[in-house]
PDB file of all heavy atoms in Angstrom:
ATOM      1  N   TRP A   1       6.191   6.812  20.405  1.00  0.00           N
ATOM      2  CA  TRP A   1       6.655   8.103  19.928  1.00  0.00           C
ATOM      3  C   TRP A   1       5.718   8.661  18.880  1.00  0.00           C
ATOM      4  O   TRP A   1       5.094   7.919  18.124  1.00  0.00           O
ATOM      5  CB  TRP A   1       8.027   7.974  19.282  1.00  0.00           C
ATOM      6  CG  TRP A   1       9.170   7.891  20.224  1.00  0.00           C
ATOM      7  CD1 TRP A   1       9.175   8.188  21.542  1.00  0.00           C
ATOM      8  CD2 TRP A   1      10.489   7.466  19.912  1.00  0.00           C
ATOM      9  NE1 TRP A   1      10.418   7.975  22.069  1.00  0.00           N
ATOM     10  CE2 TRP A   1      11.245   7.534  21.081  1.00  0.00           C
ATOM     11  CE3 TRP A   1      11.104   7.026  18.754  1.00  0.00           C
ATOM     12  CZ2 TRP A   1      12.581   7.193  21.137  1.00  0.00           C
ATOM     13  CZ3 TRP A   1      12.440   6.688  18.804  1.00  0.00           C
ATOM     14  CH2 TRP A   1      13.163   6.779  19.982  1.00  0.00           C
ATOM     15  N   THR A   2       5.673   9.979  18.815  1.00  0.00           N
ATOM     16  CA  THR A   2       5.034  10.640  17.683  1.00  0.00           C
ATOM     17  C   THR A   2       6.021  10.589  16.519  1.00  0.00           C
ATOM     18  O   THR A   2       7.211  10.276  16.713  1.00  0.00           O
ATOM     19  CB  THR A   2       4.708  12.115  18.000  1.00  0.00           C
ATOM     20  OG1 THR A   2       5.941  12.801  18.238  1.00  0.00           O
ATOM     21  CG2 THR A   2       3.769  12.247  19.195  1.00  0.00           C
ATOM     22  N   LEU A   3       5.553  10.931  15.352  1.00  0.00           N
ATOM     23  CA  LEU A   3       6.449  10.960  14.197  1.00  0.00           C
ATOM     24  C   LEU A   3       7.582  11.960  14.428  1.00  0.00           C
ATOM     25  O   LEU A   3       8.744  11.675  14.123  1.00  0.00           O
ATOM     26  CB  LEU A   3       5.675  11.303  12.920  1.00  0.00           C
ATOM     27  CG  LEU A   3       6.502  11.359  11.645  1.00  0.00           C
ATOM     28  CD1 LEU A   3       7.204  10.034  11.377  1.00  0.00           C
ATOM     29  CD2 LEU A   3       5.631  11.757  10.466  1.00  0.00           C
ATOM     30  N   ALA A   4       7.270  13.107  14.990  1.00  0.00           N
ATOM     31  CA  ALA A   4       8.308  14.122  15.248  1.00  0.00           C
ATOM     32  C   ALA A   4       9.369  13.596  16.211  1.00  0.00           C
ATOM     33  O   ALA A   4      10.563  13.878  16.040  1.00  0.00           O
ATOM     34  CB  ALA A   4       7.669  15.391  15.798  1.00  0.00           C
ATOM     35  N   GLU A   5       8.964  12.843  17.212  1.00  0.00           N
ATOM     36  CA  GLU A   5       9.937  12.288  18.159  1.00  0.00           C
ATOM     37  C   GLU A   5      10.840  11.259  17.481  1.00  0.00           C
ATOM     38  O   GLU A   5      12.052  11.238  17.705  1.00  0.00           O
ATOM     39  CB  GLU A   5       9.215  11.661  19.355  1.00  0.00           C
ATOM     40  CG  GLU A   5       8.574  12.690  20.254  1.00  0.00           C
ATOM     41  CD  GLU A   5       7.642  12.086  21.281  1.00  0.00           C
ATOM     42  OE1 GLU A   5       6.942  11.097  20.973  1.00  0.00           O
ATOM     43  OE2 GLU A   5       7.609  12.631  22.408  1.00  0.00           O
ATOM     44  N   LEU A   6      10.251  10.424  16.638  1.00  0.00           N
ATOM     45  CA  LEU A   6      11.048   9.433  15.925  1.00  0.00           C
ATOM     46  C   LEU A   6      12.036  10.108  14.982  1.00  0.00           C
ATOM     47  O   LEU A   6      13.220   9.768  14.960  1.00  0.00           O
ATOM     48  CB  LEU A   6      10.139   8.484  15.137  1.00  0.00           C
ATOM     49  CG  LEU A   6      10.852   7.463  14.243  1.00  0.00           C
ATOM     50  CD1 LEU A   6      11.790   6.582  15.051  1.00  0.00           C
ATOM     51  CD2 LEU A   6       9.831   6.634  13.482  1.00  0.00           C
ATOM     52  N   ILE A   7      11.571  11.088  14.235  1.00  0.00           N
ATOM     53  CA  ILE A   7      12.443  11.808  13.306  1.00  0.00           C
ATOM     54  C   ILE A   7      13.542  12.543  14.069  1.00  0.00           C
ATOM     55  O   ILE A   7      14.705  12.551  13.661  1.00  0.00           O
ATOM     56  CB  ILE A   7      11.612  12.771  12.431  1.00  0.00           C
ATOM     57  CG1 ILE A   7      10.665  11.974  11.530  1.00  0.00           C
ATOM     58  CG2 ILE A   7      12.499  13.694  11.619  1.00  0.00           C
ATOM     59  CD1 ILE A   7      11.303  10.938  10.641  1.00  0.00           C
ATOM     60  N   GLY A   8      13.190  13.136  15.196  1.00  0.00           N
ATOM     61  CA  GLY A   8      14.196  13.798  16.027  1.00  0.00           C
ATOM     62  C   GLY A   8      15.260  12.830  16.503  1.00  0.00           C
ATOM     63  O   GLY A   8      16.457  13.150  16.513  1.00  0.00           O
ATOM     64  N   TYR A   9      14.850  11.627  16.871  1.00  0.00           N
ATOM     65  CA  TYR A   9      15.793  10.596  17.294  1.00  0.00           C
ATOM     66  C   TYR A   9      16.741  10.227  16.153  1.00  0.00           C
ATOM     67  O   TYR A   9      17.957  10.135  16.353  1.00  0.00           O
ATOM     68  CB  TYR A   9      15.036   9.362  17.786  1.00  0.00           C
ATOM     69  CG  TYR A   9      15.913   8.183  18.073  1.00  0.00           C
ATOM     70  CD1 TYR A   9      16.778   8.180  19.158  1.00  0.00           C
ATOM     71  CD2 TYR A   9      15.883   7.063  17.249  1.00  0.00           C
ATOM     72  CE1 TYR A   9      17.593   7.089  19.415  1.00  0.00           C
ATOM     73  CE2 TYR A   9      16.691   5.965  17.497  1.00  0.00           C
ATOM     74  CZ  TYR A   9      17.550   5.988  18.580  1.00  0.00           C
ATOM     75  OH  TYR A   9      18.357   4.912  18.831  1.00  0.00           O
ATOM     76  N   LEU A  10      16.209  10.045  14.960  1.00  0.00           N
ATOM     77  CA  LEU A  10      17.070   9.700  13.818  1.00  0.00           C
ATOM     78  C   LEU A  10      18.103  10.781  13.543  1.00  0.00           C
ATOM     79  O   LEU A  10      19.223  10.500  13.130  1.00  0.00           O
ATOM     80  CB  LEU A  10      16.221   9.470  12.562  1.00  0.00           C
ATOM     81  CG  LEU A  10      15.251   8.295  12.609  1.00  0.00           C
ATOM     82  CD1 LEU A  10      14.442   8.231  11.315  1.00  0.00           C
ATOM     83  CD2 LEU A  10      15.968   6.986  12.866  1.00  0.00           C
ATOM     84  N   ARG A  11      17.731  12.018  13.817  1.00  0.00           N
ATOM     85  CA  ARG A  11      18.673  13.131  13.582  1.00  0.00           C
ATOM     86  C   ARG A  11      19.748  13.235  14.662  1.00  0.00           C
ATOM     87  O   ARG A  11      20.714  13.965  14.486  1.00  0.00           O
ATOM     88  CB  ARG A  11      17.909  14.438  13.462  1.00  0.00           C
ATOM     89  CG  ARG A  11      17.161  14.515  12.157  1.00  0.00           C
ATOM     90  CD  ARG A  11      16.855  15.934  11.743  1.00  0.00           C
ATOM     91  NE  ARG A  11      16.341  15.950  10.389  1.00  0.00           N
ATOM     92  CZ  ARG A  11      15.063  16.099  10.069  1.00  0.00           C
ATOM     93  NH1 ARG A  11      14.157  16.287  11.015  1.00  0.00           N
ATOM     94  NH2 ARG A  11      14.683  16.101   8.799  1.00  0.00           N
ATOM     95  N   THR A  12      19.615  12.508  15.766  1.00  0.00           N
ATOM     96  CA  THR A  12      20.660  12.522  16.796  1.00  0.00           C
ATOM     97  C   THR A  12      21.805  11.586  16.460  1.00  0.00           C
ATOM     98  O   THR A  12      22.851  11.645  17.094  1.00  0.00           O
ATOM     99  CB  THR A  12      20.112  12.134  18.191  1.00  0.00           C
ATOM    100  OG1 THR A  12      19.739  10.743  18.187  1.00  0.00           O
ATOM    101  CG2 THR A  12      18.966  13.016  18.617  1.00  0.00           C
ATOM    102  N   TRP A  13      21.610  10.722  15.499  1.00  0.00           N
ATOM    103  CA  TRP A  13      22.651   9.741  15.158  1.00  0.00           C
ATOM    104  C   TRP A  13      23.872  10.436  14.565  1.00  0.00           C
ATOM    105  O   TRP A  13      23.760  11.297  13.694  1.00  0.00           O
ATOM    106  CB  TRP A  13      22.127   8.735  14.150  1.00  0.00           C
ATOM    107  CG  TRP A  13      21.063   7.816  14.642  1.00  0.00           C
ATOM    108  CD1 TRP A  13      20.527   7.754  15.901  1.00  0.00           C
ATOM    109  CD2 TRP A  13      20.375   6.840  13.872  1.00  0.00           C
ATOM    110  NE1 TRP A  13      19.561   6.794  15.950  1.00  0.00           N
ATOM    111  CE2 TRP A  13      19.446   6.205  14.724  1.00  0.00           C
ATOM    112  CE3 TRP A  13      20.450   6.435  12.547  1.00  0.00           C
ATOM    113  CZ2 TRP A  13      18.615   5.194  14.294  1.00  0.00           C
ATOM    114  CZ3 TRP A  13      19.620   5.423  12.113  1.00  0.00           C
ATOM    115  CH2 TRP A  13      18.718   4.803  12.983  1.00  0.00           C
ATOM    116  N   SER A  14      25.035  10.043  15.001  1.00  0.00           N
ATOM    117  CA  SER A  14      26.268  10.605  14.446  1.00  0.00           C
ATOM    118  C   SER A  14      26.389  10.248  12.965  1.00  0.00           C
ATOM    119  O   SER A  14      26.928  11.032  12.174  1.00  0.00           O
ATOM    120  CB  SER A  14      27.487  10.122  15.226  1.00  0.00           C
ATOM    121  OG  SER A  14      27.582   8.712  15.199  1.00  0.00           O
ATOM    122  N   ALA A  15      25.887   9.091  12.577  1.00  0.00           N
ATOM    123  CA  ALA A  15      25.935   8.699  11.163  1.00  0.00           C
ATOM    124  C   ALA A  15      25.120   9.662  10.303  1.00  0.00           C
ATOM    125  O   ALA A  15      25.501   9.964   9.165  1.00  0.00           O
ATOM    126  CB  ALA A  15      25.433   7.274  10.991  1.00  0.00           C
ATOM    127  N   THR A  16      24.010  10.148  10.824  1.00  0.00           N
ATOM    128  CA  THR A  16      23.201  11.116  10.082  1.00  0.00           C
ATOM    129  C   THR A  16      23.974  12.413   9.904  1.00  0.00           C
ATOM    130  O   THR A  16      24.009  12.979   8.807  1.00  0.00           O
ATOM    131  CB  THR A  16      21.865  11.377  10.807  1.00  0.00           C
ATOM    132  OG1 THR A  16      21.161  10.145  10.954  1.00  0.00           O
ATOM    133  CG2 THR A  16      20.998  12.360  10.046  1.00  0.00           C
ATOM    134  N   ALA A  17      24.619  12.875  10.960  1.00  0.00           N
ATOM    135  CA  ALA A  17      25.407  14.112  10.882  1.00  0.00           C
ATOM    136  C   ALA A  17      26.560  13.962   9.890  1.00  0.00           C
ATOM    137  O   ALA A  17      26.833  14.889   9.107  1.00  0.00           O
ATOM    138  CB  ALA A  17      25.943  14.485  12.263  1.00  0.00           C
ATOM    139  N   ARG A  18      27.230  12.812   9.900  1.00  0.00           N
ATOM    140  CA  ARG A  18      28.316  12.573   8.941  1.00  0.00           C
ATOM    141  C   ARG A  18      27.791  12.567   7.509  1.00  0.00           C
ATOM    142  O   ARG A  18      28.408  13.125   6.603  1.00  0.00           O
ATOM    143  CB  ARG A  18      29.023  11.250   9.234  1.00  0.00           C
ATOM    144  CG  ARG A  18      30.065  11.339  10.326  1.00  0.00           C
ATOM    145  CD  ARG A  18      30.975  10.123  10.368  1.00  0.00           C
ATOM    146  NE  ARG A  18      30.273   8.852  10.321  1.00  0.00           N
ATOM    147  CZ  ARG A  18      29.787   8.205  11.365  1.00  0.00           C
ATOM    148  NH1 ARG A  18      29.913   8.711  12.575  1.00  0.00           N
ATOM    149  NH2 ARG A  18      29.178   7.042  11.221  1.00  0.00           N
ATOM    150  N   PHE A  19      26.651  11.936   7.301  1.00  0.00           N
ATOM    151  CA  PHE A  19      26.042  11.888   5.969  1.00  0.00           C
ATOM    152  C   PHE A  19      25.760  13.301   5.476  1.00  0.00           C
ATOM    153  O   PHE A  19      26.088  13.644   4.337  1.00  0.00           O
ATOM    154  CB  PHE A  19      24.759  11.060   6.011  1.00  0.00           C
ATOM    155  CG  PHE A  19      24.147  10.833   4.663  1.00  0.00           C
ATOM    156  CD1 PHE A  19      24.372   9.654   3.985  1.00  0.00           C
ATOM    157  CD2 PHE A  19      23.329  11.792   4.080  1.00  0.00           C
ATOM    158  CE1 PHE A  19      23.806   9.434   2.722  1.00  0.00           C
ATOM    159  CE2 PHE A  19      22.765  11.587   2.825  1.00  0.00           C
ATOM    160  CZ  PHE A  19      23.002  10.398   2.147  1.00  0.00           C
ATOM    161  N   VAL A  20      25.154  14.115   6.318  1.00  0.00           N
ATOM    162  CA  VAL A  20      24.837  15.498   5.943  1.00  0.00           C
ATOM    163  C   VAL A  20      26.117  16.267   5.612  1.00  0.00           C
ATOM    164  O   VAL A  20      26.187  16.983   4.607  1.00  0.00           O
ATOM    165  CB  VAL A  20      24.028  16.208   7.046  1.00  0.00           C
ATOM    166  CG1 VAL A  20      23.873  17.692   6.754  1.00  0.00           C
ATOM    167  CG2 VAL A  20      22.656  15.548   7.213  1.00  0.00           C
ATOM    168  N   ALA A  21      27.145  16.098   6.444  1.00  0.00           N
ATOM    169  CA  ALA A  21      28.409  16.805   6.224  1.00  0.00           C
ATOM    170  C   ALA A  21      29.077  16.376   4.918  1.00  0.00           C
ATOM    171  O   ALA A  21      29.634  17.207   4.191  1.00  0.00           O
ATOM    172  CB  ALA A  21      29.347  16.569   7.403  1.00  0.00           C
ATOM    173  N   GLU A  22      29.013  15.099   4.618  1.00  0.00           N
ATOM    174  CA  GLU A  22      29.688  14.576   3.425  1.00  0.00           C
ATOM    175  C   GLU A  22      28.896  14.787   2.141  1.00  0.00           C
ATOM    176  O   GLU A  22      29.469  15.009   1.084  1.00  0.00           O
ATOM    177  CB  GLU A  22      29.963  13.085   3.593  1.00  0.00           C
ATOM    178  CG  GLU A  22      31.012  12.787   4.648  1.00  0.00           C
ATOM    179  CD  GLU A  22      31.151  11.304   4.952  1.00  0.00           C
ATOM    180  OE1 GLU A  22      30.556  10.471   4.229  1.00  0.00           O
ATOM    181  OE2 GLU A  22      31.866  10.979   5.921  1.00  0.00           O
ATOM    182  N   ARG A  23      27.566  14.710   2.228  1.00  0.00           N
ATOM    183  CA  ARG A  23      26.759  14.737   1.002  1.00  0.00           C
ATOM    184  C   ARG A  23      25.934  16.015   0.831  1.00  0.00           C
ATOM    185  O   ARG A  23      25.377  16.245  -0.233  1.00  0.00           O
ATOM    186  CB  ARG A  23      25.834  13.535   0.981  1.00  0.00           C
ATOM    187  CG  ARG A  23      26.623  12.255   1.181  1.00  0.00           C
ATOM    188  CD  ARG A  23      26.254  11.197   0.239  1.00  0.00           C
ATOM    189  NE  ARG A  23      27.111  10.044   0.450  1.00  0.00           N
ATOM    190  CZ  ARG A  23      26.708   8.812   0.487  1.00  0.00           C
ATOM    191  NH1 ARG A  23      25.427   8.549   0.327  1.00  0.00           N
ATOM    192  NH2 ARG A  23      27.553   7.827   0.663  1.00  0.00           N
ATOM    193  N   GLY A  24      25.822  16.778   1.905  1.00  0.00           N
ATOM    194  CA  GLY A  24      25.160  18.068   1.775  1.00  0.00           C
ATOM    195  C   GLY A  24      23.645  18.060   1.827  1.00  0.00           C
ATOM    196  O   GLY A  24      23.019  19.066   1.526  1.00  0.00           O
ATOM    197  N   PHE A  25      23.049  16.930   2.206  1.00  0.00           N
ATOM    198  CA  PHE A  25      21.598  16.922   2.378  1.00  0.00           C
ATOM    199  C   PHE A  25      21.229  15.952   3.490  1.00  0.00           C
ATOM    200  O   PHE A  25      21.997  15.058   3.833  1.00  0.00           O
ATOM    201  CB  PHE A  25      20.864  16.581   1.073  1.00  0.00           C
ATOM    202  CG  PHE A  25      21.040  15.167   0.594  1.00  0.00           C
ATOM    203  CD1 PHE A  25      20.114  14.184   0.915  1.00  0.00           C
ATOM    204  CD2 PHE A  25      22.133  14.812  -0.175  1.00  0.00           C
ATOM    205  CE1 PHE A  25      20.272  12.879   0.470  1.00  0.00           C
ATOM    206  CE2 PHE A  25      22.303  13.510  -0.637  1.00  0.00           C
ATOM    207  CZ  PHE A  25      21.372  12.549  -0.311  1.00  0.00           C
ATOM    208  N   ASP A  26      20.056  16.166   4.057  1.00  0.00           N
ATOM    209  CA  ASP A  26      19.581  15.379   5.186  1.00  0.00           C
ATOM    210  C   ASP A  26      18.758  14.194   4.687  1.00  0.00           C
ATOM    211  O   ASP A  26      17.659  14.388   4.158  1.00  0.00           O
ATOM    212  CB  ASP A  26      18.738  16.275   6.092  1.00  0.00           C
ATOM    213  CG  ASP A  26      18.225  15.584   7.330  1.00  0.00           C
ATOM    214  OD1 ASP A  26      18.459  14.368   7.500  1.00  0.00           O
ATOM    215  OD2 ASP A  26      17.570  16.266   8.143  1.00  0.00           O
ATOM    216  N   PRO A  27      19.242  12.953   4.859  1.00  0.00           N
ATOM    217  CA  PRO A  27      18.502  11.792   4.377  1.00  0.00           C
ATOM    218  C   PRO A  27      17.225  11.520   5.168  1.00  0.00           C
ATOM    219  O   PRO A  27      16.331  10.824   4.694  1.00  0.00           O
ATOM    220  CB  PRO A  27      19.495  10.643   4.545  1.00  0.00           C
ATOM    221  CG  PRO A  27      20.326  11.060   5.714  1.00  0.00           C
ATOM    222  CD  PRO A  27      20.460  12.546   5.564  1.00  0.00           C
ATOM    223  N   VAL A  28      17.129  12.099   6.347  1.00  0.00           N
ATOM    224  CA  VAL A  28      15.962  11.868   7.194  1.00  0.00           C
ATOM    225  C   VAL A  28      14.713  12.522   6.604  1.00  0.00           C
ATOM    226  O   VAL A  28      13.599  12.082   6.851  1.00  0.00           O
ATOM    227  CB  VAL A  28      16.242  12.333   8.643  1.00  0.00           C
ATOM    228  CG1 VAL A  28      15.032  12.150   9.537  1.00  0.00           C
ATOM    229  CG2 VAL A  28      17.446  11.580   9.220  1.00  0.00           C
ATOM    230  N   VAL A  29      14.902  13.539   5.780  1.00  0.00           N
ATOM    231  CA  VAL A  29      13.761  14.209   5.139  1.00  0.00           C
ATOM    232  C   VAL A  29      12.949  13.193   4.332  1.00  0.00           C
ATOM    233  O   VAL A  29      11.717  13.168   4.415  1.00  0.00           O
ATOM    234  CB  VAL A  29      14.237  15.374   4.240  1.00  0.00           C
ATOM    235  CG1 VAL A  29      13.103  15.909   3.383  1.00  0.00           C
ATOM    236  CG2 VAL A  29      14.849  16.475   5.083  1.00  0.00           C
ATOM    237  N   GLU A  30      13.621  12.347   3.576  1.00  0.00           N
ATOM    238  CA  GLU A  30      12.910  11.350   2.762  1.00  0.00           C
ATOM    239  C   GLU A  30      12.258  10.286   3.647  1.00  0.00           C
ATOM    240  O   GLU A  30      11.153   9.829   3.363  1.00  0.00           O
ATOM    241  CB  GLU A  30      13.858  10.698   1.758  1.00  0.00           C
ATOM    242  CG  GLU A  30      13.172   9.715   0.841  1.00  0.00           C
ATOM    243  CD  GLU A  30      12.009  10.298   0.047  1.00  0.00           C
ATOM    244  OE1 GLU A  30      12.076  11.476  -0.356  1.00  0.00           O
ATOM    245  OE2 GLU A  30      11.023   9.564  -0.173  1.00  0.00           O
ATOM    246  N   VAL A  31      12.917   9.897   4.723  1.00  0.00           N
ATOM    247  CA  VAL A  31      12.330   8.933   5.661  1.00  0.00           C
ATOM    248  C   VAL A  31      11.057   9.515   6.263  1.00  0.00           C
ATOM    249  O   VAL A  31      10.030   8.841   6.332  1.00  0.00           O
ATOM    250  CB  VAL A  31      13.336   8.548   6.775  1.00  0.00           C
ATOM    251  CG1 VAL A  31      12.681   7.689   7.829  1.00  0.00           C
ATOM    252  CG2 VAL A  31      14.556   7.865   6.184  1.00  0.00           C
ATOM    253  N   GLU A  32      11.123  10.771   6.665  1.00  0.00           N
ATOM    254  CA  GLU A  32       9.948  11.438   7.243  1.00  0.00           C
ATOM    255  C   GLU A  32       8.811  11.514   6.229  1.00  0.00           C
ATOM    256  O   GLU A  32       7.650  11.231   6.554  1.00  0.00           O
ATOM    257  CB  GLU A  32      10.318  12.838   7.719  1.00  0.00           C
ATOM    258  CG  GLU A  32       9.177  13.564   8.379  1.00  0.00           C
ATOM    259  CD  GLU A  32       9.595  14.901   8.949  1.00  0.00           C
ATOM    260  OE1 GLU A  32      10.649  15.437   8.555  1.00  0.00           O
ATOM    261  OE2 GLU A  32       8.856  15.405   9.801  1.00  0.00           O
ATOM    262  N   ARG A  33       9.132  11.863   5.014  1.00  0.00           N
ATOM    263  CA  ARG A  33       8.118  11.953   3.958  1.00  0.00           C
ATOM    264  C   ARG A  33       7.437  10.598   3.758  1.00  0.00           C
ATOM    265  O   ARG A  33       6.213  10.501   3.690  1.00  0.00           O
ATOM    266  CB  ARG A  33       8.781  12.413   2.667  1.00  0.00           C
ATOM    267  CG  ARG A  33       7.851  12.980   1.650  1.00  0.00           C
ATOM    268  CD  ARG A  33       8.592  13.549   0.456  1.00  0.00           C
ATOM    269  NE  ARG A  33       9.379  14.726   0.832  1.00  0.00           N
ATOM    270  CZ  ARG A  33      10.641  14.961   0.457  1.00  0.00           C
ATOM    271  NH1 ARG A  33      11.270  14.109  -0.314  1.00  0.00           N
ATOM    272  NH2 ARG A  33      11.256  16.040   0.838  1.00  0.00           N
ATOM    273  N   SER A  34       8.239   9.557   3.710  1.00  0.00           N
ATOM    274  CA  SER A  34       7.717   8.210   3.498  1.00  0.00           C
ATOM    275  C   SER A  34       6.852   7.746   4.676  1.00  0.00           C
ATOM    276  O   SER A  34       5.757   7.225   4.485  1.00  0.00           O
ATOM    277  CB  SER A  34       8.885   7.247   3.276  1.00  0.00           C
ATOM    278  OG  SER A  34       8.438   5.944   3.114  1.00  0.00           O
ATOM    279  N   LEU A  35       7.353   7.935   5.892  1.00  0.00           N
ATOM    280  CA  LEU A  35       6.604   7.510   7.069  1.00  0.00           C
ATOM    281  C   LEU A  35       5.312   8.298   7.257  1.00  0.00           C
ATOM    282  O   LEU A  35       4.301   7.746   7.689  1.00  0.00           O
ATOM    283  CB  LEU A  35       7.463   7.634   8.328  1.00  0.00           C
ATOM    284  CG  LEU A  35       8.560   6.594   8.508  1.00  0.00           C
ATOM    285  CD1 LEU A  35       9.402   6.933   9.732  1.00  0.00           C
ATOM    286  CD2 LEU A  35       7.979   5.206   8.633  1.00  0.00           C
ATOM    287  N   SER A  36       5.346   9.577   6.941  1.00  0.00           N
ATOM    288  CA  SER A  36       4.157  10.412   7.174  1.00  0.00           C
ATOM    289  C   SER A  36       2.974   9.980   6.315  1.00  0.00           C
ATOM    290  O   SER A  36       1.831  10.196   6.693  1.00  0.00           O
ATOM    291  CB  SER A  36       4.477  11.883   6.966  1.00  0.00           C
ATOM    292  OG  SER A  36       4.759  12.154   5.616  1.00  0.00           O
ATOM    293  N   ARG A  37       3.241   9.352   5.187  1.00  0.00           N
ATOM    294  CA  ARG A  37       2.144   8.869   4.328  1.00  0.00           C
ATOM    295  C   ARG A  37       1.333   7.777   5.026  1.00  0.00           C
ATOM    296  O   ARG A  37       0.128   7.666   4.817  1.00  0.00           O
ATOM    297  CB  ARG A  37       2.695   8.337   3.009  1.00  0.00           C
ATOM    298  CG  ARG A  37       3.137   9.421   2.054  1.00  0.00           C
ATOM    299  CD  ARG A  37       3.402   8.866   0.673  1.00  0.00           C
ATOM    300  NE  ARG A  37       4.611   8.055   0.609  1.00  0.00           N
ATOM    301  CZ  ARG A  37       5.808   8.502   0.257  1.00  0.00           C
ATOM    302  NH1 ARG A  37       5.957   9.764  -0.081  1.00  0.00           N
ATOM    303  NH2 ARG A  37       6.841   7.701   0.220  1.00  0.00           N
ATOM    304  N   ASP A  38       1.990   6.970   5.842  1.00  0.00           N
ATOM    305  CA  ASP A  38       1.316   5.840   6.498  1.00  0.00           C
ATOM    306  C   ASP A  38       1.042   6.060   7.982  1.00  0.00           C
ATOM    307  O   ASP A  38       0.357   5.265   8.608  1.00  0.00           O
ATOM    308  CB  ASP A  38       2.157   4.570   6.344  1.00  0.00           C
ATOM    309  CG  ASP A  38       2.304   4.162   4.896  1.00  0.00           C
ATOM    310  OD1 ASP A  38       1.305   4.234   4.159  1.00  0.00           O
ATOM    311  OD2 ASP A  38       3.408   3.773   4.497  1.00  0.00           O
ATOM    312  N   TRP A  39       1.591   7.112   8.562  1.00  0.00           N
ATOM    313  CA  TRP A  39       1.501   7.336  10.003  1.00  0.00           C
ATOM    314  C   TRP A  39       0.091   7.700  10.436  1.00  0.00           C
ATOM    315  O   TRP A  39      -0.348   7.373  11.522  1.00  0.00           O
ATOM    316  CB  TRP A  39       2.483   8.438  10.416  1.00  0.00           C
ATOM    317  CG  TRP A  39       2.748   8.488  11.879  1.00  0.00           C
ATOM    318  CD1 TRP A  39       2.029   9.149  12.824  1.00  0.00           C
ATOM    319  CD2 TRP A  39       3.816   7.855  12.570  1.00  0.00           C
ATOM    320  NE1 TRP A  39       2.590   8.984  14.061  1.00  0.00           N
ATOM    321  CE2 TRP A  39       3.698   8.180  13.928  1.00  0.00           C
ATOM    322  CE3 TRP A  39       4.876   7.047  12.178  1.00  0.00           C
ATOM    323  CZ2 TRP A  39       4.595   7.720  14.884  1.00  0.00           C
ATOM    324  CZ3 TRP A  39       5.770   6.599  13.132  1.00  0.00           C
ATOM    325  CH2 TRP A  39       5.614   6.925  14.463  1.00  0.00           C
ATOM    326  N   GLY A  40      -0.624   8.431   9.599  1.00  0.00           N
ATOM    327  CA  GLY A  40      -1.919   8.966   9.997  1.00  0.00           C
ATOM    328  C   GLY A  40      -1.702  10.302  10.685  1.00  0.00           C
ATOM    329  O   GLY A  40      -0.854  11.078  10.269  1.00  0.00           O
ATOM    330  N   ASP A  41      -2.447  10.549  11.747  1.00  0.00           N
ATOM    331  CA  ASP A  41      -2.307  11.793  12.509  1.00  0.00           C
ATOM    332  C   ASP A  41      -0.893  11.850  13.074  1.00  0.00           C
ATOM    333  O   ASP A  41      -0.521  11.024  13.914  1.00  0.00           O
ATOM    334  CB  ASP A  41      -3.337  11.826  13.635  1.00  0.00           C
ATOM    335  CG  ASP A  41      -3.270  13.096  14.471  1.00  0.00           C
ATOM    336  OD1 ASP A  41      -2.371  13.938  14.258  1.00  0.00           O
ATOM    337  OD2 ASP A  41      -4.133  13.235  15.357  1.00  0.00           O
TER     338      ASP A  41
END
């Protein structure tokens, strides 16, 4: 997968949607930020 495909997959999780609904922010943003530093292209 590309980074975008992996991040898109993480956003399909029902747990991610519940987290966003309950806490008001997307936790995947920080995961993407962290992974992009080491992913390269």
